[in-house]
Each structure stands twice: as structure tokens, then as C-alpha cells.
């Protein structure tokens, strides 16, 4: 099923973590469908989205398209403003159009948002025993595309009151050799 269905309300849910495994196997997957979970959770304070296998660029973001002019957020608009959501963490951030729309929708409708973290490395930004995790060339290239999409379509939309962080691959020599 490409679109999660939320039948009820999670009136007391304060922390929600969703792990998506292999969205590449559902070419029509729409990250905006996750808004239904936000709508069903009016007291949600923390939302974590972990994309375990990042989709590749060709399946999502349309190069040369200006989202400010060519796209509306109609597919991502929640039914109400989120007045409790304070922290959002997305790991495996990919440059798909619907991922960008979801992030911008959260920025527009989470009126009390204080922290937004976008991890372009699927968690590999962390150091292990003082060294970076070795990353393959494809992983580094996808992270760079995601960073470019964040700078182009999201960074300018983040209000100054929100602590905004983008996690990138580390710049150690080992990673550059991959």
C-alpha cells in the first residue's frame, strides 16, 4: 500500500517514529501521505522519520523545477495546524519532490516547531571510535544531491526561531577516498 491509512486518532501519542524500508520498490510512494499520521496525533511532540534505503534521484525531484512557482503543497496540507509538534528529525533525507513537500508542509503547519534536523546520510554522519563510517561513492553523491535540494527548496523557508540542522557526510580523508 503506497498510502498509509490512519483510521482513528492517537490522542495521547507524543512520540512517533516511522521507519520506511525500501520505498524504491513503490515507485509511486508519496512521502506526503505521512501527513495523515500527523493529523491523527494532535498531541504529538516529536516526529522521527527514518528512510532506511534512500531512493535515488531519478525517481523523485524534477531537475530545473522551481517549487515556489510550479508546485503547491496541496497534497501535503494537514487538516489542522500542529500546535504541539516541537521536534522533527528526518534521516535518509532524499531529494524527492514529495519529501521536500512534506518538510515544507511541516514548516508551514507546525506552529510550535523548535527543532528540525535533516540527515542526508541515513545515520552515517556519526563518528565511531573517533573515525567516520566509510561511505561509498553513490552514498556520498546522493547526500550531496540532498544537500543541494535542502539549500534550494527548504533552507530559505525555515523561520529564524527554529533550530535547523543539516547532517552531512563527514569530511575525513577516508570518506573522500571512497
N, C-alpha and C. Protein backbone atom coordinates (compact mmCIF):
# COMPACT_ATOMS: atom_id res chain seq x y z
N UNK A 1 0.86 -1.18 0.00
CA UNK A 1 0.00 0.00 0.00
C UNK A 1 0.89 1.22 0.00
N UNK A 2 0.67 2.13 -0.93
CA UNK A 2 1.50 3.32 -1.03
C UNK A 2 1.10 4.41 -0.06
N UNK A 3 -0.13 4.43 0.39
CA UNK A 3 -0.59 5.49 1.27
C UNK A 3 -1.05 4.89 2.59
N UNK A 4 -0.39 5.27 3.70
CA UNK A 4 -0.83 4.76 4.99
C UNK A 4 -2.23 5.29 5.32
N UNK A 5 -3.04 4.44 5.88
CA UNK A 5 -4.39 4.84 6.28
C UNK A 5 -4.43 4.89 7.80
N UNK A 6 -4.84 6.00 8.34
CA UNK A 6 -4.99 6.14 9.78
C UNK A 6 -6.48 6.24 10.05
N UNK A 7 -7.03 5.23 10.71
CA UNK A 7 -8.47 5.17 10.89
C UNK A 7 -8.95 5.96 12.10
N UNK A 8 -8.14 6.05 13.14
CA UNK A 8 -8.58 6.71 14.35
C UNK A 8 -7.69 7.87 14.71
N UNK A 9 -7.78 8.25 15.95
CA UNK A 9 -6.95 9.33 16.47
C UNK A 9 -6.04 8.75 17.54
N UNK A 10 -4.82 9.24 17.56
CA UNK A 10 -3.87 8.87 18.61
C UNK A 10 -3.79 10.07 19.55
N UNK A 11 -4.80 10.22 20.37
CA UNK A 11 -4.97 11.44 21.17
C UNK A 11 -3.86 11.67 22.18
N UNK A 12 -3.18 10.63 22.62
CA UNK A 12 -2.16 10.77 23.66
C UNK A 12 -0.75 10.51 23.17
N UNK A 13 -0.60 10.28 21.87
CA UNK A 13 0.71 9.98 21.30
C UNK A 13 1.59 11.22 21.28
N UNK A 14 2.76 11.11 21.92
CA UNK A 14 3.66 12.26 21.99
C UNK A 14 4.93 12.05 21.14
N UNK A 15 5.28 10.79 20.87
CA UNK A 15 6.49 10.47 20.11
C UNK A 15 6.12 9.46 19.03
N UNK A 16 6.45 9.80 17.78
CA UNK A 16 6.17 8.89 16.68
C UNK A 16 7.43 8.72 15.85
N UNK A 17 7.83 7.47 15.67
CA UNK A 17 8.97 7.15 14.81
C UNK A 17 8.49 6.18 13.75
N UNK A 18 8.72 6.57 12.49
CA UNK A 18 8.33 5.73 11.36
C UNK A 18 9.60 5.35 10.60
N UNK A 19 9.76 4.04 10.36
CA UNK A 19 10.88 3.56 9.56
C UNK A 19 10.32 3.05 8.24
N UNK A 20 10.86 3.58 7.16
CA UNK A 20 10.44 3.14 5.83
C UNK A 20 11.56 2.30 5.22
N UNK A 21 11.24 1.06 4.93
CA UNK A 21 12.19 0.17 4.31
C UNK A 21 11.87 0.08 2.82
N UNK A 22 12.84 0.36 2.00
CA UNK A 22 12.76 0.21 0.55
C UNK A 22 11.59 0.92 -0.11
N UNK A 23 11.46 2.23 0.06
CA UNK A 23 10.41 2.92 -0.69
C UNK A 23 10.66 2.90 -2.19
N UNK A 24 11.88 2.51 -2.60
CA UNK A 24 12.17 2.44 -4.03
C UNK A 24 11.36 1.34 -4.71
N UNK A 25 10.87 0.39 -3.93
CA UNK A 25 10.07 -0.68 -4.52
C UNK A 25 8.63 -0.25 -4.76
N UNK A 26 8.29 0.92 -4.29
CA UNK A 26 6.98 1.51 -4.55
C UNK A 26 7.20 2.81 -5.29
N UNK A 27 7.38 2.77 -6.61
CA UNK A 27 7.75 3.97 -7.34
C UNK A 27 6.76 5.12 -7.19
N UNK A 28 5.53 4.83 -6.85
CA UNK A 28 4.55 5.88 -6.67
C UNK A 28 4.46 6.37 -5.23
N UNK A 29 5.41 5.95 -4.38
CA UNK A 29 5.31 6.31 -2.96
C UNK A 29 5.32 7.83 -2.80
N UNK A 30 4.46 8.29 -1.95
CA UNK A 30 4.30 9.72 -1.71
C UNK A 30 4.57 9.99 -0.24
N UNK A 31 5.68 10.66 0.07
CA UNK A 31 6.01 10.97 1.46
C UNK A 31 4.94 11.84 2.11
N UNK A 32 4.20 12.59 1.31
CA UNK A 32 3.15 13.44 1.86
C UNK A 32 2.03 12.63 2.51
N UNK A 33 1.92 11.36 2.16
CA UNK A 33 0.88 10.53 2.78
C UNK A 33 1.12 10.38 4.28
N UNK A 34 2.32 10.68 4.74
CA UNK A 34 2.62 10.59 6.17
C UNK A 34 1.93 11.69 6.98
N UNK A 35 1.42 12.70 6.30
CA UNK A 35 0.70 13.77 6.98
C UNK A 35 -0.51 13.20 7.73
N UNK A 36 -1.08 12.11 7.23
CA UNK A 36 -2.24 11.51 7.91
C UNK A 36 -1.89 11.09 9.33
N UNK A 37 -0.64 10.67 9.56
CA UNK A 37 -0.22 10.32 10.91
C UNK A 37 -0.13 11.56 11.79
N UNK A 38 0.36 12.65 11.21
CA UNK A 38 0.45 13.89 11.98
C UNK A 38 -0.95 14.40 12.33
N UNK A 39 -1.86 14.32 11.38
CA UNK A 39 -3.24 14.74 11.63
C UNK A 39 -3.90 13.91 12.73
N UNK A 40 -3.59 12.63 12.77
CA UNK A 40 -4.22 11.74 13.75
C UNK A 40 -3.58 11.85 15.14
N UNK A 41 -2.54 12.66 15.26
CA UNK A 41 -1.80 12.76 16.53
C UNK A 41 -1.74 14.22 17.00
N UNK A 42 -2.84 14.76 17.54
CA UNK A 42 -2.87 16.18 17.88
C UNK A 42 -1.95 16.59 19.02
N UNK A 43 -1.50 15.64 19.84
CA UNK A 43 -0.59 15.99 20.95
C UNK A 43 0.85 15.59 20.67
N UNK A 44 1.15 15.21 19.43
CA UNK A 44 2.49 14.77 19.05
C UNK A 44 3.51 15.88 19.29
N UNK A 45 4.61 15.53 19.94
CA UNK A 45 5.69 16.50 20.20
C UNK A 45 6.94 16.22 19.39
N UNK A 46 7.19 14.94 19.09
CA UNK A 46 8.40 14.56 18.35
C UNK A 46 8.01 13.61 17.23
N UNK A 47 8.48 13.94 16.03
CA UNK A 47 8.25 13.09 14.86
C UNK A 47 9.60 12.73 14.27
N UNK A 48 9.85 11.42 14.14
CA UNK A 48 11.09 10.92 13.56
C UNK A 48 10.73 10.06 12.35
N UNK A 49 11.32 10.40 11.23
CA UNK A 49 11.15 9.61 10.01
C UNK A 49 12.51 9.07 9.61
N UNK A 50 12.61 7.75 9.52
CA UNK A 50 13.86 7.11 9.11
C UNK A 50 13.63 6.37 7.79
N UNK A 51 14.26 6.88 6.74
CA UNK A 51 14.20 6.22 5.45
C UNK A 51 15.44 5.35 5.38
N UNK A 52 15.23 4.05 5.52
CA UNK A 52 16.35 3.12 5.66
C UNK A 52 17.10 2.94 4.35
N UNK A 53 16.37 2.82 3.25
CA UNK A 53 17.02 2.74 1.94
C UNK A 53 16.61 3.97 1.17
N UNK A 54 17.53 4.88 0.98
CA UNK A 54 17.20 6.14 0.31
C UNK A 54 16.93 5.91 -1.17
N UNK A 55 15.81 6.45 -1.65
CA UNK A 55 15.53 6.37 -3.08
C UNK A 55 16.55 7.18 -3.87
N UNK A 56 16.76 6.81 -5.11
CA UNK A 56 17.72 7.55 -5.93
C UNK A 56 17.05 8.75 -6.58
N UNK A 57 17.86 9.66 -7.05
CA UNK A 57 17.40 10.93 -7.59
C UNK A 57 16.42 10.78 -8.75
N UNK A 58 16.64 9.81 -9.62
CA UNK A 58 15.82 9.77 -10.82
C UNK A 58 14.34 9.51 -10.52
N UNK A 59 14.03 8.97 -9.36
CA UNK A 59 12.64 8.68 -9.05
C UNK A 59 11.87 9.83 -8.47
N UNK A 60 12.48 10.96 -8.18
CA UNK A 60 11.75 11.96 -7.44
C UNK A 60 11.86 13.38 -7.90
N UNK A 61 12.87 14.08 -7.46
CA UNK A 61 12.98 15.50 -7.73
C UNK A 61 13.12 15.74 -9.22
N UNK A 62 12.38 16.68 -9.71
CA UNK A 62 12.45 17.01 -11.12
C UNK A 62 13.44 18.15 -11.30
N UNK A 63 14.60 17.92 -11.92
CA UNK A 63 15.59 18.98 -12.07
C UNK A 63 15.03 20.18 -12.81
N UNK A 64 15.43 21.36 -12.38
CA UNK A 64 15.05 22.59 -13.05
C UNK A 64 13.68 23.12 -12.69
N UNK A 65 12.98 22.46 -11.77
CA UNK A 65 11.65 22.91 -11.38
C UNK A 65 11.77 23.77 -10.14
N UNK A 66 11.15 24.92 -10.17
CA UNK A 66 11.14 25.81 -9.02
C UNK A 66 9.88 25.51 -8.21
N UNK A 67 10.04 24.94 -7.02
CA UNK A 67 8.89 24.55 -6.23
C UNK A 67 8.04 25.75 -5.81
N UNK A 68 8.65 26.92 -5.66
CA UNK A 68 7.89 28.09 -5.27
C UNK A 68 6.86 28.47 -6.33
N UNK A 69 7.20 28.21 -7.58
CA UNK A 69 6.31 28.61 -8.68
C UNK A 69 5.50 27.45 -9.23
N UNK A 70 6.09 26.26 -9.32
CA UNK A 70 5.49 25.17 -10.05
C UNK A 70 4.75 24.14 -9.20
N UNK A 71 4.92 24.15 -7.90
CA UNK A 71 4.30 23.15 -7.06
C UNK A 71 3.52 23.81 -5.94
N UNK A 72 2.37 23.27 -5.68
CA UNK A 72 1.65 23.70 -4.49
C UNK A 72 1.81 22.59 -3.47
N UNK A 73 1.54 22.90 -2.22
CA UNK A 73 1.65 21.89 -1.17
C UNK A 73 0.30 21.23 -0.93
N UNK A 74 -0.59 21.29 -1.91
CA UNK A 74 -1.95 20.77 -1.74
C UNK A 74 -1.97 19.31 -1.31
N UNK A 75 -1.04 18.51 -1.79
CA UNK A 75 -1.05 17.08 -1.44
C UNK A 75 -0.55 16.84 -0.02
N UNK A 76 0.07 17.82 0.60
CA UNK A 76 0.63 17.64 1.93
C UNK A 76 -0.08 18.43 3.02
N UNK A 77 -1.12 19.14 2.69
CA UNK A 77 -1.75 20.01 3.68
C UNK A 77 -2.49 19.19 4.72
N UNK A 78 -2.09 19.34 6.00
CA UNK A 78 -2.82 18.65 7.06
C UNK A 78 -4.17 19.34 7.29
N UNK A 79 -5.03 18.67 8.03
CA UNK A 79 -6.36 19.22 8.27
C UNK A 79 -6.34 20.33 9.33
N UNK A 80 -5.31 20.36 10.15
CA UNK A 80 -5.22 21.40 11.18
C UNK A 80 -3.77 21.76 11.44
N UNK A 81 -3.54 22.84 12.09
CA UNK A 81 -2.19 23.26 12.47
C UNK A 81 -1.73 22.40 13.64
N UNK A 82 -0.45 22.11 13.66
CA UNK A 82 0.11 21.31 14.75
C UNK A 82 0.71 22.25 15.78
N UNK A 83 0.04 22.40 16.89
CA UNK A 83 0.46 23.35 17.92
C UNK A 83 1.35 22.71 18.97
N UNK A 84 1.52 21.42 18.95
CA UNK A 84 2.33 20.73 19.96
C UNK A 84 3.66 20.22 19.40
N UNK A 85 3.75 20.00 18.10
CA UNK A 85 4.94 19.41 17.49
C UNK A 85 6.13 20.34 17.65
N UNK A 86 7.15 19.86 18.35
CA UNK A 86 8.32 20.69 18.65
C UNK A 86 9.58 20.24 17.93
N UNK A 87 9.72 18.93 17.69
CA UNK A 87 10.95 18.40 17.08
C UNK A 87 10.64 17.45 15.94
N UNK A 88 11.35 17.65 14.83
CA UNK A 88 11.25 16.75 13.68
C UNK A 88 12.65 16.36 13.27
N UNK A 89 12.85 15.05 13.10
CA UNK A 89 14.13 14.51 12.67
C UNK A 89 13.87 13.58 11.50
N UNK A 90 14.47 13.88 10.35
CA UNK A 90 14.33 13.02 9.17
C UNK A 90 15.71 12.51 8.81
N UNK A 91 15.89 11.21 8.89
CA UNK A 91 17.16 10.61 8.48
C UNK A 91 16.93 9.87 7.17
N UNK A 92 17.91 9.93 6.29
CA UNK A 92 17.75 9.39 4.96
C UNK A 92 17.02 10.39 4.07
N UNK A 93 17.15 11.68 4.42
CA UNK A 93 16.50 12.71 3.62
C UNK A 93 16.97 12.58 2.18
N UNK A 94 16.02 12.53 1.26
CA UNK A 94 16.35 12.36 -0.15
C UNK A 94 15.73 13.50 -0.95
N UNK A 95 16.27 13.79 -2.12
CA UNK A 95 15.80 14.93 -2.90
C UNK A 95 14.55 14.64 -3.74
N UNK A 96 13.64 13.85 -3.22
CA UNK A 96 12.37 13.59 -3.91
C UNK A 96 11.45 14.78 -3.69
N UNK A 97 10.66 15.08 -4.70
CA UNK A 97 9.70 16.18 -4.62
C UNK A 97 8.78 16.04 -3.40
N UNK A 98 8.25 14.84 -3.16
CA UNK A 98 7.30 14.69 -2.05
C UNK A 98 7.97 14.77 -0.69
N UNK A 99 9.26 14.41 -0.60
CA UNK A 99 9.99 14.57 0.66
C UNK A 99 10.16 16.07 0.95
N UNK A 100 10.48 16.84 -0.08
CA UNK A 100 10.63 18.29 0.08
C UNK A 100 9.28 18.90 0.45
N UNK A 101 8.21 18.46 -0.21
CA UNK A 101 6.88 18.97 0.11
C UNK A 101 6.50 18.66 1.55
N UNK A 102 6.77 17.43 2.00
CA UNK A 102 6.46 17.06 3.39
C UNK A 102 7.19 17.96 4.36
N UNK A 103 8.47 18.20 4.12
CA UNK A 103 9.27 19.03 5.02
C UNK A 103 8.75 20.46 5.03
N UNK A 104 8.43 21.00 3.88
CA UNK A 104 7.91 22.37 3.82
C UNK A 104 6.53 22.46 4.46
N UNK A 105 5.74 21.42 4.33
CA UNK A 105 4.43 21.39 4.97
C UNK A 105 4.58 21.41 6.49
N UNK A 106 5.51 20.64 7.00
CA UNK A 106 5.76 20.63 8.44
C UNK A 106 6.18 22.02 8.89
N UNK A 107 7.04 22.67 8.13
CA UNK A 107 7.46 24.03 8.48
C UNK A 107 6.28 25.00 8.49
N UNK A 108 5.37 24.84 7.57
CA UNK A 108 4.22 25.75 7.48
C UNK A 108 3.16 25.50 8.54
N UNK A 109 2.95 24.24 8.92
CA UNK A 109 1.82 23.90 9.78
C UNK A 109 2.17 23.54 11.21
N UNK A 110 3.43 23.33 11.52
CA UNK A 110 3.83 23.05 12.90
C UNK A 110 4.21 24.38 13.55
N UNK A 111 3.22 25.04 14.11
CA UNK A 111 3.41 26.41 14.59
C UNK A 111 4.33 26.52 15.80
N UNK A 112 4.53 25.43 16.54
CA UNK A 112 5.40 25.49 17.71
C UNK A 112 6.73 24.76 17.50
N UNK A 113 7.07 24.47 16.24
CA UNK A 113 8.30 23.74 15.94
C UNK A 113 9.53 24.50 16.43
N UNK A 114 10.40 23.78 17.13
CA UNK A 114 11.63 24.39 17.65
C UNK A 114 12.89 23.80 17.03
N UNK A 115 12.82 22.52 16.61
CA UNK A 115 13.99 21.83 16.07
C UNK A 115 13.62 21.06 14.80
N UNK A 116 14.42 21.25 13.76
CA UNK A 116 14.29 20.48 12.53
C UNK A 116 15.67 20.00 12.13
N UNK A 117 15.85 18.68 12.08
CA UNK A 117 17.12 18.09 11.68
C UNK A 117 16.89 17.21 10.46
N UNK A 118 17.67 17.46 9.42
CA UNK A 118 17.61 16.66 8.20
C UNK A 118 18.95 15.96 8.02
N UNK A 119 18.93 14.66 8.07
CA UNK A 119 20.14 13.84 7.95
C UNK A 119 20.22 13.28 6.54
N UNK A 120 21.23 13.70 5.80
CA UNK A 120 21.38 13.27 4.40
C UNK A 120 22.16 11.97 4.27
N UNK A 121 22.58 11.38 5.39
CA UNK A 121 23.47 10.22 5.33
C UNK A 121 22.85 8.92 5.83
N UNK A 122 21.57 8.92 6.16
CA UNK A 122 20.91 7.74 6.74
C UNK A 122 21.57 7.31 8.04
N UNK A 123 22.10 8.27 8.80
CA UNK A 123 22.68 7.98 10.10
C UNK A 123 24.18 7.79 10.09
N UNK A 124 24.83 7.87 8.93
CA UNK A 124 26.26 7.62 8.84
C UNK A 124 27.11 8.84 9.13
N UNK A 125 26.48 9.94 9.53
CA UNK A 125 27.25 11.14 9.87
C UNK A 125 27.97 10.94 11.19
N UNK A 126 27.49 9.99 11.99
CA UNK A 126 28.06 9.78 13.33
C UNK A 126 29.46 9.18 13.23
N UNK A 127 30.27 9.58 14.16
CA UNK A 127 31.62 9.00 14.20
C UNK A 127 31.61 7.77 15.10
N UNK A 128 32.43 6.83 14.76
CA UNK A 128 32.52 5.58 15.52
C UNK A 128 33.97 5.41 15.95
N UNK A 129 34.18 5.41 17.22
CA UNK A 129 35.51 5.27 17.80
C UNK A 129 36.49 6.28 17.21
N UNK A 130 36.02 7.49 17.02
CA UNK A 130 36.89 8.56 16.54
C UNK A 130 37.05 8.61 15.02
N UNK A 131 36.48 7.65 14.31
CA UNK A 131 36.58 7.62 12.85
C UNK A 131 35.20 7.71 12.23
N UNK A 132 35.14 8.19 11.02
CA UNK A 132 33.87 8.23 10.28
C UNK A 132 33.56 6.85 9.74
N UNK A 133 32.27 6.56 9.57
CA UNK A 133 31.89 5.35 8.87
C UNK A 133 32.34 5.51 7.41
N UNK A 134 32.92 4.49 6.81
CA UNK A 134 33.26 4.60 5.39
C UNK A 134 31.98 4.63 4.56
N UNK A 135 31.94 5.54 3.61
CA UNK A 135 30.78 5.68 2.75
C UNK A 135 31.17 5.44 1.30
N UNK A 136 30.30 4.80 0.57
CA UNK A 136 30.54 4.56 -0.84
C UNK A 136 30.31 5.83 -1.65
N UNK A 137 30.85 5.82 -2.84
CA UNK A 137 30.72 6.98 -3.74
C UNK A 137 29.25 7.31 -4.01
N UNK A 138 28.39 6.30 -4.24
CA UNK A 138 26.97 6.54 -4.51
C UNK A 138 26.29 7.21 -3.32
N UNK A 139 26.61 6.76 -2.12
CA UNK A 139 26.02 7.33 -0.91
C UNK A 139 26.42 8.79 -0.76
N UNK A 140 27.68 9.09 -1.02
CA UNK A 140 28.15 10.48 -0.92
C UNK A 140 27.49 11.34 -1.99
N UNK A 141 27.35 10.82 -3.20
CA UNK A 141 26.71 11.58 -4.28
C UNK A 141 25.24 11.86 -3.96
N UNK A 142 24.52 10.87 -3.43
CA UNK A 142 23.12 11.08 -3.07
C UNK A 142 23.00 12.11 -1.94
N UNK A 143 23.93 12.05 -0.99
CA UNK A 143 23.91 13.03 0.11
C UNK A 143 24.14 14.44 -0.44
N UNK A 144 25.03 14.58 -1.39
CA UNK A 144 25.28 15.90 -1.99
C UNK A 144 24.05 16.43 -2.73
N UNK A 145 23.33 15.54 -3.42
CA UNK A 145 22.10 15.95 -4.10
C UNK A 145 21.06 16.40 -3.08
N UNK A 146 20.98 15.66 -1.97
CA UNK A 146 20.02 16.02 -0.92
C UNK A 146 20.37 17.37 -0.31
N UNK A 147 21.65 17.62 -0.09
CA UNK A 147 22.10 18.90 0.46
C UNK A 147 21.73 20.04 -0.49
N UNK A 148 21.94 19.83 -1.78
CA UNK A 148 21.60 20.86 -2.77
C UNK A 148 20.09 21.13 -2.76
N UNK A 149 19.28 20.09 -2.65
CA UNK A 149 17.83 20.27 -2.61
C UNK A 149 17.41 21.02 -1.34
N UNK A 150 18.05 20.71 -0.22
CA UNK A 150 17.75 21.39 1.04
C UNK A 150 18.07 22.88 0.92
N UNK A 151 19.24 23.18 0.37
CA UNK A 151 19.64 24.59 0.22
C UNK A 151 18.72 25.33 -0.74
N UNK A 152 18.28 24.66 -1.78
CA UNK A 152 17.45 25.30 -2.80
C UNK A 152 16.00 25.47 -2.36
N UNK A 153 15.41 24.44 -1.76
CA UNK A 153 13.98 24.42 -1.54
C UNK A 153 13.52 24.53 -0.09
N UNK A 154 14.41 24.31 0.88
CA UNK A 154 13.97 24.28 2.28
C UNK A 154 14.62 25.37 3.13
N UNK A 155 15.92 25.53 3.01
CA UNK A 155 16.67 26.43 3.90
C UNK A 155 16.03 27.82 4.03
N UNK A 156 15.63 28.40 2.94
CA UNK A 156 15.05 29.74 2.95
C UNK A 156 13.65 29.80 3.56
N UNK A 157 13.02 28.65 3.75
CA UNK A 157 11.67 28.59 4.33
C UNK A 157 11.68 28.37 5.84
N UNK A 158 12.86 28.15 6.41
CA UNK A 158 12.95 27.87 7.84
C UNK A 158 12.93 29.19 8.61
N UNK A 159 11.93 29.39 9.46
CA UNK A 159 11.88 30.61 10.26
C UNK A 159 13.08 30.68 11.21
N UNK A 160 13.53 31.89 11.55
CA UNK A 160 14.71 32.03 12.41
C UNK A 160 14.52 31.44 13.81
N UNK A 161 13.30 31.29 14.27
CA UNK A 161 13.06 30.75 15.62
C UNK A 161 13.33 29.24 15.70
N UNK A 162 13.45 28.58 14.56
CA UNK A 162 13.67 27.13 14.54
C UNK A 162 15.15 26.82 14.46
N UNK A 163 15.61 25.92 15.34
CA UNK A 163 16.99 25.45 15.28
C UNK A 163 17.05 24.41 14.16
N UNK A 164 17.73 24.78 13.08
CA UNK A 164 17.77 23.97 11.87
C UNK A 164 19.15 23.39 11.69
N UNK A 165 19.19 22.07 11.49
CA UNK A 165 20.48 21.39 11.33
C UNK A 165 20.40 20.43 10.16
N UNK A 166 21.44 20.45 9.33
CA UNK A 166 21.57 19.50 8.22
C UNK A 166 22.79 18.65 8.51
N UNK A 167 22.60 17.36 8.60
CA UNK A 167 23.71 16.44 8.86
C UNK A 167 24.22 15.91 7.53
N UNK A 168 25.50 16.14 7.31
CA UNK A 168 26.16 15.78 6.06
C UNK A 168 27.20 14.70 6.32
N UNK A 169 27.69 14.04 5.26
CA UNK A 169 28.81 13.10 5.46
C UNK A 169 30.00 13.86 6.03
N UNK A 170 30.76 13.20 6.90
CA UNK A 170 31.91 13.87 7.46
C UNK A 170 32.97 14.09 6.37
N UNK A 171 33.87 15.00 6.62
CA UNK A 171 34.88 15.37 5.61
C UNK A 171 36.24 14.76 5.90
N UNK A 172 36.26 13.58 6.46
CA UNK A 172 37.57 12.96 6.74
C UNK A 172 38.18 12.43 5.43
N UNK A 173 39.46 12.17 5.47
CA UNK A 173 40.16 11.70 4.25
C UNK A 173 39.64 10.35 3.77
N UNK A 174 39.25 9.47 4.72
CA UNK A 174 38.77 8.15 4.32
C UNK A 174 37.52 8.26 3.47
N UNK A 175 36.61 9.17 3.86
CA UNK A 175 35.37 9.31 3.08
C UNK A 175 35.65 9.89 1.70
N UNK A 176 36.62 10.75 1.60
CA UNK A 176 36.92 11.35 0.31
C UNK A 176 37.55 10.34 -0.64
N UNK A 177 38.15 9.28 -0.09
CA UNK A 177 38.80 8.27 -0.93
C UNK A 177 37.79 7.28 -1.52
N UNK A 178 36.58 7.23 -0.95
CA UNK A 178 35.59 6.25 -1.42
C UNK A 178 35.15 6.51 -2.84
